[in-house]
């Protein structure tokens, strides 16, 4: 039984994703610190943060709303990772690994949303 947001698999996977994003963006050009680096990190952090905030709300409707916000941030992050790859800030291996993690979080998030809608 899920007692806390930290019990959710999707939250834990999203935390792992944030950790990898921070590691991957450490070597971005310094002139991108307040540009793409910041945007990528903010989008990544937003995913588990919205999951946690939604789980802390009082109704399932509010939880679904915040899961939707998390899904939006996930799409934003995916877009930014593609841009970083196109600019050669990320090599193919690292970029593809992040895109795979994003896809995994997305599948789990969509499954959670589906299960809430069925309840």
PDB file of N, CA and C in Angstrom:
ATOM      1  N   UNK A   1       0.834  -1.187   0.000  1.00  0.00           N
ATOM      2  CA  UNK A   1       0.000   0.000   0.000  1.00  0.00           C
ATOM      3  C   UNK A   1       0.883   1.257   0.000  1.00  0.00           C
ATOM      4  N   UNK A   2       0.455   2.233  -0.752  1.00  0.00           N
ATOM      5  CA  UNK A   2       1.197   3.486  -0.863  1.00  0.00           C
ATOM      6  C   UNK A   2       0.795   4.403   0.289  1.00  0.00           C
ATOM      7  N   UNK A   3       1.746   4.689   1.152  1.00  0.00           N
ATOM      8  CA  UNK A   3       1.485   5.574   2.281  1.00  0.00           C
ATOM      9  C   UNK A   3       1.978   6.981   2.006  1.00  0.00           C
ATOM     10  N   UNK A   4       3.001   7.101   1.185  1.00  0.00           N
ATOM     11  CA  UNK A   4       3.637   8.388   0.931  1.00  0.00           C
ATOM     12  C   UNK A   4       4.058   8.458  -0.532  1.00  0.00           C
ATOM     13  N   UNK A   5       4.256   9.660  -1.009  1.00  0.00           N
ATOM     14  CA  UNK A   5       4.752   9.822  -2.373  1.00  0.00           C
ATOM     15  C   UNK A   5       6.071   9.085  -2.576  1.00  0.00           C
ATOM     16  N   UNK A   6       6.871   8.982  -1.518  1.00  0.00           N
ATOM     17  CA  UNK A   6       8.170   8.319  -1.654  1.00  0.00           C
ATOM     18  C   UNK A   6       8.038   6.805  -1.832  1.00  0.00           C
ATOM     19  N   UNK A   7       6.831   6.278  -1.637  1.00  0.00           N
ATOM     20  CA  UNK A   7       6.565   4.859  -1.902  1.00  0.00           C
ATOM     21  C   UNK A   7       6.234   4.603  -3.373  1.00  0.00           C
ATOM     22  N   UNK A   8       5.966   5.671  -4.121  1.00  0.00           N
ATOM     23  CA  UNK A   8       5.585   5.520  -5.525  1.00  0.00           C
ATOM     24  C   UNK A   8       6.815   5.225  -6.390  1.00  0.00           C
ATOM     25  N   UNK A   9       6.721   4.198  -7.198  1.00  0.00           N
ATOM     26  CA  UNK A   9       7.807   3.834  -8.105  1.00  0.00           C
ATOM     27  C   UNK A   9       8.126   4.997  -9.033  1.00  0.00           C
ATOM     28  N   UNK A  10       7.101   5.672  -9.540  1.00  0.00           N
ATOM     29  CA  UNK A  10       7.323   6.764 -10.480  1.00  0.00           C
ATOM     30  C   UNK A  10       8.082   7.914  -9.834  1.00  0.00           C
ATOM     31  N   UNK A  11       7.831   8.189  -8.564  1.00  0.00           N
ATOM     32  CA  UNK A  11       8.563   9.252  -7.872  1.00  0.00           C
ATOM     33  C   UNK A  11      10.037   8.866  -7.747  1.00  0.00           C
ATOM     34  N   UNK A  12      10.304   7.620  -7.366  1.00  0.00           N
ATOM     35  CA  UNK A  12      11.685   7.154  -7.224  1.00  0.00           C
ATOM     36  C   UNK A  12      12.427   7.171  -8.561  1.00  0.00           C
ATOM     37  N   UNK A  13      11.766   6.759  -9.627  1.00  0.00           N
ATOM     38  CA  UNK A  13      12.379   6.789 -10.959  1.00  0.00           C
ATOM     39  C   UNK A  13      12.633   8.235 -11.393  1.00  0.00           C
ATOM     40  N   UNK A  14      11.722   9.134 -11.046  1.00  0.00           N
ATOM     41  CA  UNK A  14      11.892  10.546 -11.389  1.00  0.00           C
ATOM     42  C   UNK A  14      13.060  11.160 -10.607  1.00  0.00           C
ATOM     43  N   UNK A  15      13.236  10.754  -9.365  1.00  0.00           N
ATOM     44  CA  UNK A  15      14.384  11.219  -8.574  1.00  0.00           C
ATOM     45  C   UNK A  15      15.688  10.738  -9.227  1.00  0.00           C
ATOM     46  N   UNK A  16      15.709   9.473  -9.671  1.00  0.00           N
ATOM     47  CA  UNK A  16      16.890   8.952 -10.377  1.00  0.00           C
ATOM     48  C   UNK A  16      17.163   9.768 -11.643  1.00  0.00           C
ATOM     49  N   UNK A  17      16.097  10.136 -12.346  1.00  0.00           N
ATOM     50  CA  UNK A  17      16.231  10.931 -13.562  1.00  0.00           C
ATOM     51  C   UNK A  17      16.838  12.297 -13.247  1.00  0.00           C
ATOM     52  N   UNK A  18      16.366  12.949 -12.196  1.00  0.00           N
ATOM     53  CA  UNK A  18      16.916  14.255 -11.804  1.00  0.00           C
ATOM     54  C   UNK A  18      18.417  14.133 -11.518  1.00  0.00           C
ATOM     55  N   UNK A  19      18.785  13.089 -10.801  1.00  0.00           N
ATOM     56  CA  UNK A  19      20.193  12.874 -10.466  1.00  0.00           C
ATOM     57  C   UNK A  19      21.032  12.745 -11.733  1.00  0.00           C
ATOM     58  N   UNK A  20      20.543  11.971 -12.695  1.00  0.00           N
ATOM     59  CA  UNK A  20      21.280  11.787 -13.953  1.00  0.00           C
ATOM     60  C   UNK A  20      21.332  13.081 -14.766  1.00  0.00           C
ATOM     61  N   UNK A  21      20.245  13.845 -14.726  1.00  0.00           N
ATOM     62  CA  UNK A  21      20.218  15.123 -15.440  1.00  0.00           C
ATOM     63  C   UNK A  21      21.275  16.068 -14.873  1.00  0.00           C
ATOM     64  N   UNK A  22      21.362  16.141 -13.558  1.00  0.00           N
ATOM     65  CA  UNK A  22      22.366  17.020 -12.947  1.00  0.00           C
ATOM     66  C   UNK A  22      23.781  16.582 -13.322  1.00  0.00           C
ATOM     67  N   UNK A  23      24.016  15.285 -13.319  1.00  0.00           N
ATOM     68  CA  UNK A  23      25.349  14.794 -13.701  1.00  0.00           C
ATOM     69  C   UNK A  23      25.649  15.109 -15.165  1.00  0.00           C
ATOM     70  N   UNK A  24      24.656  14.910 -16.015  1.00  0.00           N
ATOM     71  CA  UNK A  24      24.853  15.115 -17.450  1.00  0.00           C
ATOM     72  C   UNK A  24      25.064  16.583 -17.801  1.00  0.00           C
ATOM     73  N   UNK A  25      24.465  17.484 -17.054  1.00  0.00           N
ATOM     74  CA  UNK A  25      24.560  18.907 -17.384  1.00  0.00           C
ATOM     75  C   UNK A  25      25.752  19.599 -16.721  1.00  0.00           C
ATOM     76  N   UNK A  26      26.503  18.883 -15.898  1.00  0.00           N
ATOM     77  CA  UNK A  26      27.670  19.478 -15.243  1.00  0.00           C
ATOM     78  C   UNK A  26      28.707  19.987 -16.237  1.00  0.00           C
ATOM     79  N   UNK A  27      28.787  19.330 -17.381  1.00  0.00           N
ATOM     80  CA  UNK A  27      29.812  19.689 -18.364  1.00  0.00           C
ATOM     81  C   UNK A  27      29.278  20.538 -19.513  1.00  0.00           C
ATOM     82  N   UNK A  28      28.054  21.046 -19.374  1.00  0.00           N
ATOM     83  CA  UNK A  28      27.528  21.948 -20.399  1.00  0.00           C
ATOM     84  C   UNK A  28      28.373  23.218 -20.395  1.00  0.00           C
ATOM     85  N   UNK A  29      28.402  23.937 -21.510  1.00  0.00           N
ATOM     86  CA  UNK A  29      29.166  25.193 -21.545  1.00  0.00           C
ATOM     87  C   UNK A  29      28.712  26.144 -20.430  1.00  0.00           C
ATOM     88  N   UNK A  30      29.664  26.838 -19.853  1.00  0.00           N
ATOM     89  CA  UNK A  30      29.357  27.745 -18.743  1.00  0.00           C
ATOM     90  C   UNK A  30      28.409  28.860 -19.159  1.00  0.00           C
ATOM     91  N   UNK A  31      28.450  29.258 -20.437  1.00  0.00           N
ATOM     92  CA  UNK A  31      27.532  30.309 -20.876  1.00  0.00           C
ATOM     93  C   UNK A  31      26.090  29.825 -20.987  1.00  0.00           C
ATOM     94  N   UNK A  32      25.865  28.540 -20.813  1.00  0.00           N
ATOM     95  CA  UNK A  32      24.513  27.971 -20.795  1.00  0.00           C
ATOM     96  C   UNK A  32      23.975  27.796 -19.373  1.00  0.00           C
ATOM     97  N   UNK A  33      24.759  28.166 -18.375  1.00  0.00           N
ATOM     98  CA  UNK A  33      24.351  27.946 -16.987  1.00  0.00           C
ATOM     99  C   UNK A  33      22.968  28.525 -16.694  1.00  0.00           C
ATOM    100  N   UNK A  34      22.697  29.729 -17.203  1.00  0.00           N
ATOM    101  CA  UNK A  34      21.404  30.357 -16.943  1.00  0.00           C
ATOM    102  C   UNK A  34      20.441  30.185 -18.110  1.00  0.00           C
ATOM    103  N   UNK A  35      20.842  29.393 -19.078  1.00  0.00           N
ATOM    104  CA  UNK A  35      20.009  29.109 -20.233  1.00  0.00           C
ATOM    105  C   UNK A  35      19.511  27.676 -20.199  1.00  0.00           C
ATOM    106  N   UNK A  36      20.015  26.889 -21.131  1.00  0.00           N
ATOM    107  CA  UNK A  36      19.543  25.518 -21.291  1.00  0.00           C
ATOM    108  C   UNK A  36      19.816  24.650 -20.062  1.00  0.00           C
ATOM    109  N   UNK A  37      20.962  24.821 -19.433  1.00  0.00           N
ATOM    110  CA  UNK A  37      21.277  24.026 -18.233  1.00  0.00           C
ATOM    111  C   UNK A  37      20.215  24.243 -17.167  1.00  0.00           C
ATOM    112  N   UNK A  38      19.912  25.497 -16.913  1.00  0.00           N
ATOM    113  CA  UNK A  38      18.907  25.836 -15.902  1.00  0.00           C
ATOM    114  C   UNK A  38      17.529  25.303 -16.285  1.00  0.00           C
ATOM    115  N   UNK A  39      17.157  25.459 -17.547  1.00  0.00           N
ATOM    116  CA  UNK A  39      15.844  24.996 -18.009  1.00  0.00           C
ATOM    117  C   UNK A  39      15.700  23.474 -17.861  1.00  0.00           C
ATOM    118  N   UNK A  40      16.750  22.761 -18.244  1.00  0.00           N
ATOM    119  CA  UNK A  40      16.721  21.300 -18.153  1.00  0.00           C
ATOM    120  C   UNK A  40      16.587  20.865 -16.695  1.00  0.00           C
ATOM    121  N   UNK A  41      17.370  21.457 -15.837  1.00  0.00           N
ATOM    122  CA  UNK A  41      17.332  21.083 -14.421  1.00  0.00           C
ATOM    123  C   UNK A  41      15.987  21.419 -13.789  1.00  0.00           C
ATOM    124  N   UNK A  42      15.436  22.581 -14.133  1.00  0.00           N
ATOM    125  CA  UNK A  42      14.134  22.973 -13.570  1.00  0.00           C
ATOM    126  C   UNK A  42      13.022  22.024 -14.023  1.00  0.00           C
ATOM    127  N   UNK A  43      13.040  21.652 -15.300  1.00  0.00           N
ATOM    128  CA  UNK A  43      12.025  20.724 -15.807  1.00  0.00           C
ATOM    129  C   UNK A  43      12.152  19.372 -15.114  1.00  0.00           C
ATOM    130  N   UNK A  44      13.391  18.909 -14.953  1.00  0.00           N
ATOM    131  CA  UNK A  44      13.607  17.611 -14.303  1.00  0.00           C
ATOM    132  C   UNK A  44      13.132  17.630 -12.862  1.00  0.00           C
ATOM    133  N   UNK A  45      13.487  18.677 -12.122  1.00  0.00           N
ATOM    134  CA  UNK A  45      13.087  18.780 -10.715  1.00  0.00           C
ATOM    135  C   UNK A  45      11.569  18.869 -10.577  1.00  0.00           C
ATOM    136  N   UNK A  46      10.937  19.486 -11.539  1.00  0.00           N
ATOM    137  CA  UNK A  46       9.491  19.666 -11.496  1.00  0.00           C
ATOM    138  C   UNK A  46       8.734  18.335 -11.516  1.00  0.00           C
ATOM    139  N   UNK A  47       9.312  17.318 -12.125  1.00  0.00           N
ATOM    140  CA  UNK A  47       8.608  16.032 -12.271  1.00  0.00           C
ATOM    141  C   UNK A  47       8.351  15.377 -10.912  1.00  0.00           C
ATOM    142  N   UNK A  48       9.371  15.024 -10.130  1.00  0.00           N
ATOM    143  CA  UNK A  48       9.077  14.406  -8.831  1.00  0.00           C
ATOM    144  C   UNK A  48       8.418  15.386  -7.862  1.00  0.00           C
ATOM    145  N   UNK A  49       8.701  16.680  -8.022  1.00  0.00           N
ATOM    146  CA  UNK A  49       8.090  17.672  -7.129  1.00  0.00           C
ATOM    147  C   UNK A  49       6.577  17.711  -7.319  1.00  0.00           C
ATOM    148  N   UNK A  50       6.121  17.678  -8.563  1.00  0.00           N
ATOM    149  CA  UNK A  50       4.681  17.676  -8.826  1.00  0.00           C
ATOM    150  C   UNK A  50       4.025  16.376  -8.385  1.00  0.00           C
ATOM    151  N   UNK A  51       4.719  15.276  -8.544  1.00  0.00           N
ATOM    152  CA  UNK A  51       4.189  13.991  -8.061  1.00  0.00           C
ATOM    153  C   UNK A  51       4.000  14.058  -6.549  1.00  0.00           C
ATOM    154  N   UNK A  52       5.018  14.563  -5.852  1.00  0.00           N
ATOM    155  CA  UNK A  52       4.946  14.666  -4.389  1.00  0.00           C
ATOM    156  C   UNK A  52       3.846  15.626  -3.964  1.00  0.00           C
ATOM    157  N   UNK A  53       3.787  16.782  -4.619  1.00  0.00           N
ATOM    158  CA  UNK A  53       2.769  17.764  -4.225  1.00  0.00           C
ATOM    159  C   UNK A  53       1.367  17.224  -4.473  1.00  0.00           C
ATOM    160  N   UNK A  54       1.178  16.577  -5.613  1.00  0.00           N
ATOM    161  CA  UNK A  54      -0.136  16.007  -5.915  1.00  0.00           C
ATOM    162  C   UNK A  54      -0.541  14.930  -4.926  1.00  0.00           C
ATOM    163  N   UNK A  55       0.420  14.098  -4.536  1.00  0.00           N
ATOM    164  CA  UNK A  55       0.131  13.028  -3.563  1.00  0.00           C
ATOM    165  C   UNK A  55      -0.228  13.619  -2.203  1.00  0.00           C
ATOM    166  N   UNK A  56       0.277  14.810  -1.914  1.00  0.00           N
ATOM    167  CA  UNK A  56      -0.012  15.465  -0.650  1.00  0.00           C
ATOM    168  C   UNK A  56      -1.342  16.199  -0.631  1.00  0.00           C
ATOM    169  N   UNK A  57      -1.999  16.284  -1.753  1.00  0.00           N
ATOM    170  CA  UNK A  57      -3.291  16.969  -1.827  1.00  0.00           C
ATOM    171  C   UNK A  57      -4.398  16.073  -1.281  1.00  0.00           C
ATOM    172  N   UNK A  58      -5.571  16.651  -1.150  1.00  0.00           N
ATOM    173  CA  UNK A  58      -6.662  15.962  -0.466  1.00  0.00           C
ATOM    174  C   UNK A  58      -7.521  15.076  -1.364  1.00  0.00           C
ATOM    175  N   UNK A  59      -7.571  15.368  -2.657  1.00  0.00           N
ATOM    176  CA  UNK A  59      -8.484  14.616  -3.519  1.00  0.00           C
ATOM    177  C   UNK A  59      -7.728  13.938  -4.667  1.00  0.00           C
ATOM    178  N   UNK A  60      -8.366  12.913  -5.235  1.00  0.00           N
ATOM    179  CA  UNK A  60      -7.798  12.244  -6.404  1.00  0.00           C
ATOM    180  C   UNK A  60      -7.739  13.181  -7.595  1.00  0.00           C
ATOM    181  N   UNK A  61      -8.723  14.070  -7.695  1.00  0.00           N
ATOM    182  CA  UNK A  61      -8.733  15.036  -8.785  1.00  0.00           C
ATOM    183  C   UNK A  61      -7.518  15.946  -8.745  1.00  0.00           C
ATOM    184  N   UNK A  62      -7.162  16.388  -7.548  1.00  0.00           N
ATOM    185  CA  UNK A  62      -5.973  17.235  -7.404  1.00  0.00           C
ATOM    186  C   UNK A  62      -4.710  16.434  -7.734  1.00  0.00           C
ATOM    187  N   UNK A  63      -4.672  15.184  -7.281  1.00  0.00           N
ATOM    188  CA  UNK A  63      -3.529  14.326  -7.568  1.00  0.00           C
ATOM    189  C   UNK A  63      -3.367  14.168  -9.075  1.00  0.00           C
ATOM    190  N   UNK A  64      -4.461  13.905  -9.781  1.00  0.00           N
ATOM    191  CA  UNK A  64      -4.405  13.763 -11.239  1.00  0.00           C
ATOM    192  C   UNK A  64      -3.911  15.049 -11.901  1.00  0.00           C
ATOM    193  N   UNK A  65      -4.371  16.186 -11.400  1.00  0.00           N
ATOM    194  CA  UNK A  65      -3.944  17.459 -11.947  1.00  0.00           C
ATOM    195  C   UNK A  65      -2.426  17.620 -11.850  1.00  0.00           C
ATOM    196  N   UNK A  66      -1.875  17.310 -10.683  1.00  0.00           N
ATOM    197  CA  UNK A  66      -0.432  17.452 -10.498  1.00  0.00           C
ATOM    198  C   UNK A  66       0.349  16.390 -11.268  1.00  0.00           C
ATOM    199  N   UNK A  67      -0.227  15.208 -11.445  1.00  0.00           N
ATOM    200  CA  UNK A  67       0.420  14.205 -12.299  1.00  0.00           C
ATOM    201  C   UNK A  67       0.450  14.706 -13.742  1.00  0.00           C
ATOM    202  N   UNK A  68      -0.591  15.432 -14.137  1.00  0.00           N
ATOM    203  CA  UNK A  68      -0.605  16.055 -15.466  1.00  0.00           C
ATOM    204  C   UNK A  68       0.493  17.099 -15.603  1.00  0.00           C
ATOM    205  N   UNK A  69       0.708  17.866 -14.541  1.00  0.00           N
ATOM    206  CA  UNK A  69       1.802  18.845 -14.548  1.00  0.00           C
ATOM    207  C   UNK A  69       3.146  18.117 -14.683  1.00  0.00           C
ATOM    208  N   UNK A  70       3.293  17.015 -13.962  1.00  0.00           N
ATOM    209  CA  UNK A  70       4.532  16.228 -14.041  1.00  0.00           C
ATOM    210  C   UNK A  70       4.742  15.710 -15.461  1.00  0.00           C
ATOM    211  N   UNK A  71       3.666  15.269 -16.085  1.00  0.00           N
ATOM    212  CA  UNK A  71       3.760  14.764 -17.456  1.00  0.00           C
ATOM    213  C   UNK A  71       4.159  15.887 -18.425  1.00  0.00           C
ATOM    214  N   UNK A  72       3.644  17.080 -18.203  1.00  0.00           N
ATOM    215  CA  UNK A  72       4.031  18.225 -19.016  1.00  0.00           C
ATOM    216  C   UNK A  72       5.506  18.554 -18.859  1.00  0.00           C
ATOM    217  N   UNK A  73       5.996  18.511 -17.625  1.00  0.00           N
ATOM    218  CA  UNK A  73       7.419  18.773 -17.373  1.00  0.00           C
ATOM    219  C   UNK A  73       8.293  17.700 -18.009  1.00  0.00           C
ATOM    220  N   UNK A  74       7.787  16.480 -18.032  1.00  0.00           N
ATOM    221  CA  UNK A  74       8.526  15.385 -18.657  1.00  0.00           C
ATOM    222  C   UNK A  74       8.679  15.625 -20.159  1.00  0.00           C
ATOM    223  N   UNK A  75       7.605  16.091 -20.799  1.00  0.00           N
ATOM    224  CA  UNK A  75       7.670  16.405 -22.234  1.00  0.00           C
ATOM    225  C   UNK A  75       8.623  17.573 -22.487  1.00  0.00           C
ATOM    226  N   UNK A  76       8.592  18.558 -21.590  1.00  0.00           N
ATOM    227  CA  UNK A  76       9.506  19.694 -21.685  1.00  0.00           C
ATOM    228  C   UNK A  76      10.954  19.218 -21.576  1.00  0.00           C
ATOM    229  N   UNK A  77      11.226  18.356 -20.616  1.00  0.00           N
ATOM    230  CA  UNK A  77      12.570  17.822 -20.433  1.00  0.00           C
ATOM    231  C   UNK A  77      13.025  17.040 -21.656  1.00  0.00           C
ATOM    232  N   UNK A  78      12.154  16.218 -22.198  1.00  0.00           N
ATOM    233  CA  UNK A  78      12.503  15.436 -23.385  1.00  0.00           C
ATOM    234  C   UNK A  78      12.911  16.364 -24.534  1.00  0.00           C
ATOM    235  N   UNK A  79      12.145  17.417 -24.739  1.00  0.00           N
ATOM    236  CA  UNK A  79      12.440  18.388 -25.789  1.00  0.00           C
ATOM    237  C   UNK A  79      13.806  19.026 -25.569  1.00  0.00           C
ATOM    238  N   UNK A  80      14.086  19.395 -24.339  1.00  0.00           N
ATOM    239  CA  UNK A  80      15.353  20.054 -24.019  1.00  0.00           C
ATOM    240  C   UNK A  80      16.546  19.113 -24.166  1.00  0.00           C
ATOM    241  N   UNK A  81      16.353  17.849 -23.863  1.00  0.00           N
ATOM    242  CA  UNK A  81      17.434  16.862 -24.041  1.00  0.00           C
ATOM    243  C   UNK A  81      17.732  16.692 -25.530  1.00  0.00           C
ATOM    244  N   UNK A  82      16.700  16.667 -26.354  1.00  0.00           N
ATOM    245  CA  UNK A  82      16.907  16.573 -27.802  1.00  0.00           C
ATOM    246  C   UNK A  82      17.697  17.790 -28.292  1.00  0.00           C
ATOM    247  N   UNK A  83      17.342  18.970 -27.797  1.00  0.00           N
ATOM    248  CA  UNK A  83      18.069  20.187 -28.169  1.00  0.00           C
ATOM    249  C   UNK A  83      19.535  20.088 -27.734  1.00  0.00           C
ATOM    250  N   UNK A  84      19.763  19.635 -26.505  1.00  0.00           N
ATOM    251  CA  UNK A  84      21.136  19.490 -25.999  1.00  0.00           C
ATOM    252  C   UNK A  84      21.931  18.501 -26.844  1.00  0.00           C
ATOM    253  N   UNK A  85      21.291  17.428 -27.282  1.00  0.00           N
ATOM    254  CA  UNK A  85      21.962  16.474 -28.169  1.00  0.00           C
ATOM    255  C   UNK A  85      22.288  17.132 -29.504  1.00  0.00           C
ATOM    256  N   UNK A  86      21.334  17.875 -30.057  1.00  0.00           N
ATOM    257  CA  UNK A  86      21.548  18.535 -31.345  1.00  0.00           C
ATOM    258  C   UNK A  86      22.702  19.542 -31.284  1.00  0.00           C
ATOM    259  N   UNK A  87      22.902  20.154 -30.131  1.00  0.00           N
ATOM    260  CA  UNK A  87      23.985  21.128 -29.945  1.00  0.00           C
ATOM    261  C   UNK A  87      25.293  20.462 -29.531  1.00  0.00           C
ATOM    262  N   UNK A  88      25.275  19.134 -29.437  1.00  0.00           N
ATOM    263  CA  UNK A  88      26.438  18.344 -29.015  1.00  0.00           C
ATOM    264  C   UNK A  88      26.878  18.644 -27.583  1.00  0.00           C
ATOM    265  N   UNK A  89      25.941  19.087 -26.748  1.00  0.00           N
ATOM    266  CA  UNK A  89      26.221  19.231 -25.321  1.00  0.00           C
ATOM    267  C   UNK A  89      26.168  17.868 -24.645  1.00  0.00           C
ATOM    268  N   UNK A  90      25.425  16.944 -25.243  1.00  0.00           N
ATOM    269  CA  UNK A  90      25.339  15.560 -24.773  1.00  0.00           C
ATOM    270  C   UNK A  90      25.757  14.651 -25.914  1.00  0.00           C
ATOM    271  N   UNK A  91      26.568  13.644 -25.619  1.00  0.00           N
ATOM    272  CA  UNK A  91      26.879  12.675 -26.670  1.00  0.00           C
ATOM    273  C   UNK A  91      25.680  11.736 -26.830  1.00  0.00           C
ATOM    274  N   UNK A  92      25.697  10.948 -27.891  1.00  0.00           N
ATOM    275  CA  UNK A  92      24.555  10.084 -28.186  1.00  0.00           C
ATOM    276  C   UNK A  92      24.265   9.092 -27.071  1.00  0.00           C
ATOM    277  N   UNK A  93      25.299   8.526 -26.480  1.00  0.00           N
ATOM    278  CA  UNK A  93      25.095   7.521 -25.434  1.00  0.00           C
ATOM    279  C   UNK A  93      24.403   8.133 -24.235  1.00  0.00           C
ATOM    280  N   UNK A  94      24.934   9.241 -23.740  1.00  0.00           N
ATOM    281  CA  UNK A  94      24.348   9.886 -22.563  1.00  0.00           C
ATOM    282  C   UNK A  94      22.955  10.444 -22.864  1.00  0.00           C
ATOM    283  N   UNK A  95      22.818  11.077 -24.014  1.00  0.00           N
ATOM    284  CA  UNK A  95      21.513  11.620 -24.402  1.00  0.00           C
ATOM    285  C   UNK A  95      20.465  10.538 -24.545  1.00  0.00           C
ATOM    286  N   UNK A  96      20.829   9.439 -25.194  1.00  0.00           N
ATOM    287  CA  UNK A  96      19.872   8.346 -25.377  1.00  0.00           C
ATOM    288  C   UNK A  96      19.517   7.678 -24.057  1.00  0.00           C
ATOM    289  N   UNK A  97      20.474   7.590 -23.155  1.00  0.00           N
ATOM    290  CA  UNK A  97      20.185   7.026 -21.829  1.00  0.00           C
ATOM    291  C   UNK A  97      19.154   7.892 -21.103  1.00  0.00           C
ATOM    292  N   UNK A  98      19.328   9.213 -21.171  1.00  0.00           N
ATOM    293  CA  UNK A  98      18.353  10.108 -20.544  1.00  0.00           C
ATOM    294  C   UNK A  98      16.986   9.984 -21.214  1.00  0.00           C
ATOM    295  N   UNK A  99      16.966   9.889 -22.535  1.00  0.00           N
ATOM    296  CA  UNK A  99      15.685   9.743 -23.239  1.00  0.00           C
ATOM    297  C   UNK A  99      15.000   8.428 -22.877  1.00  0.00           C
ATOM    298  N   UNK A 100      15.778   7.377 -22.647  1.00  0.00           N
ATOM    299  CA  UNK A 100      15.190   6.104 -22.213  1.00  0.00           C
ATOM    300  C   UNK A 100      14.601   6.230 -20.814  1.00  0.00           C
ATOM    301  N   UNK A 101      15.313   6.933 -19.924  1.00  0.00           N
ATOM    302  CA  UNK A 101      14.786   7.151 -18.571  1.00  0.00           C
ATOM    303  C   UNK A 101      13.513   7.984 -18.630  1.00  0.00           C
ATOM    304  N   UNK A 102      13.490   8.986 -19.478  1.00  0.00           N
ATOM    305  CA  UNK A 102      12.299   9.824 -19.639  1.00  0.00           C
ATOM    306  C   UNK A 102      11.121   8.972 -20.113  1.00  0.00           C
ATOM    307  N   UNK A 103      11.369   8.108 -21.090  1.00  0.00           N
ATOM    308  CA  UNK A 103      10.312   7.233 -21.602  1.00  0.00           C
ATOM    309  C   UNK A 103       9.794   6.305 -20.517  1.00  0.00           C
ATOM    310  N   UNK A 104      10.698   5.769 -19.698  1.00  0.00           N
ATOM    311  CA  UNK A 104      10.286   4.874 -18.622  1.00  0.00           C
ATOM    312  C   UNK A 104       9.418   5.606 -17.597  1.00  0.00           C
ATOM    313  N   UNK A 105       9.852   6.786 -17.190  1.00  0.00           N
ATOM    314  CA  UNK A 105       9.052   7.578 -16.245  1.00  0.00           C
ATOM    315  C   UNK A 105       7.693   7.889 -16.866  1.00  0.00           C
ATOM    316  N   UNK A 106       7.677   8.200 -18.140  1.00  0.00           N
ATOM    317  CA  UNK A 106       6.420   8.481 -18.828  1.00  0.00           C
ATOM    318  C   UNK A 106       5.469   7.298 -18.832  1.00  0.00           C
ATOM    319  N   UNK A 107       5.987   6.113 -19.095  1.00  0.00           N
ATOM    320  CA  UNK A 107       5.136   4.911 -19.081  1.00  0.00           C
ATOM    321  C   UNK A 107       4.543   4.676 -17.690  1.00  0.00           C
ATOM    322  N   UNK A 108       5.364   4.796 -16.675  1.00  0.00           N
ATOM    323  CA  UNK A 108       4.895   4.560 -15.312  1.00  0.00           C
ATOM    324  C   UNK A 108       3.888   5.637 -14.908  1.00  0.00           C
ATOM    325  N   UNK A 109       4.173   6.872 -15.266  1.00  0.00           N
ATOM    326  CA  UNK A 109       3.278   7.985 -14.953  1.00  0.00           C
ATOM    327  C   UNK A 109       1.932   7.808 -15.639  1.00  0.00           C
ATOM    328  N   UNK A 110       1.952   7.408 -16.905  1.00  0.00           N
ATOM    329  CA  UNK A 110       0.701   7.163 -17.622  1.00  0.00           C
ATOM    330  C   UNK A 110      -0.070   6.000 -17.001  1.00  0.00           C
ATOM    331  N   UNK A 111       0.637   4.973 -16.554  1.00  0.00           N
ATOM    332  CA  UNK A 111      -0.021   3.861 -15.878  1.00  0.00           C
ATOM    333  C   UNK A 111      -0.675   4.291 -14.584  1.00  0.00           C
ATOM    334  N   UNK A 112      -0.001   5.128 -13.824  1.00  0.00           N
ATOM    335  CA  UNK A 112      -0.574   5.639 -12.569  1.00  0.00           C
ATOM    336  C   UNK A 112      -1.813   6.481 -12.857  1.00  0.00           C
ATOM    337  N   UNK A 113      -1.733   7.340 -13.857  1.00  0.00           N
ATOM    338  CA  UNK A 113      -2.892   8.146 -14.228  1.00  0.00           C
ATOM    339  C   UNK A 113      -4.062   7.268 -14.642  1.00  0.00           C
ATOM    340  N   UNK A 114      -3.794   6.238 -15.418  1.00  0.00           N
ATOM    341  CA  UNK A 114      -4.858   5.317 -15.846  1.00  0.00           C
ATOM    342  C   UNK A 114      -5.489   4.605 -14.661  1.00  0.00           C
ATOM    343  N   UNK A 115      -4.660   4.183 -13.713  1.00  0.00           N
ATOM    344  CA  UNK A 115      -5.187   3.464 -12.555  1.00  0.00           C
ATOM    345  C   UNK A 115      -6.042   4.367 -11.671  1.00  0.00           C
ATOM    346  N   UNK A 116      -5.678   5.639 -11.582  1.00  0.00           N
ATOM    347  CA  UNK A 116      -6.468   6.586 -10.790  1.00  0.00           C
ATOM    348  C   UNK A 116      -7.804   6.849 -11.464  1.00  0.00           C
ATOM    349  N   UNK A 117      -7.803   6.951 -12.798  1.00  0.00           N
ATOM    350  CA  UNK A 117      -9.045   7.203 -13.528  1.00  0.00           C
ATOM    351  C   UNK A 117     -10.031   6.044 -13.392  1.00  0.00           C
ATOM    352  N   UNK A 118      -9.515   4.824 -13.219  1.00  0.00           N
ATOM    353  CA  UNK A 118     -10.382   3.637 -13.096  1.00  0.00           C
ATOM    354  C   UNK A 118     -11.022   3.523 -11.717  1.00  0.00           C
ATOM    355  N   UNK A 119     -10.420   4.167 -10.731  1.00  0.00           N
ATOM    356  CA  UNK A 119     -10.924   4.054  -9.353  1.00  0.00           C
ATOM    357  C   UNK A 119     -12.209   4.818  -9.161  1.00  0.00           C
TER     358      UNK A 119
END
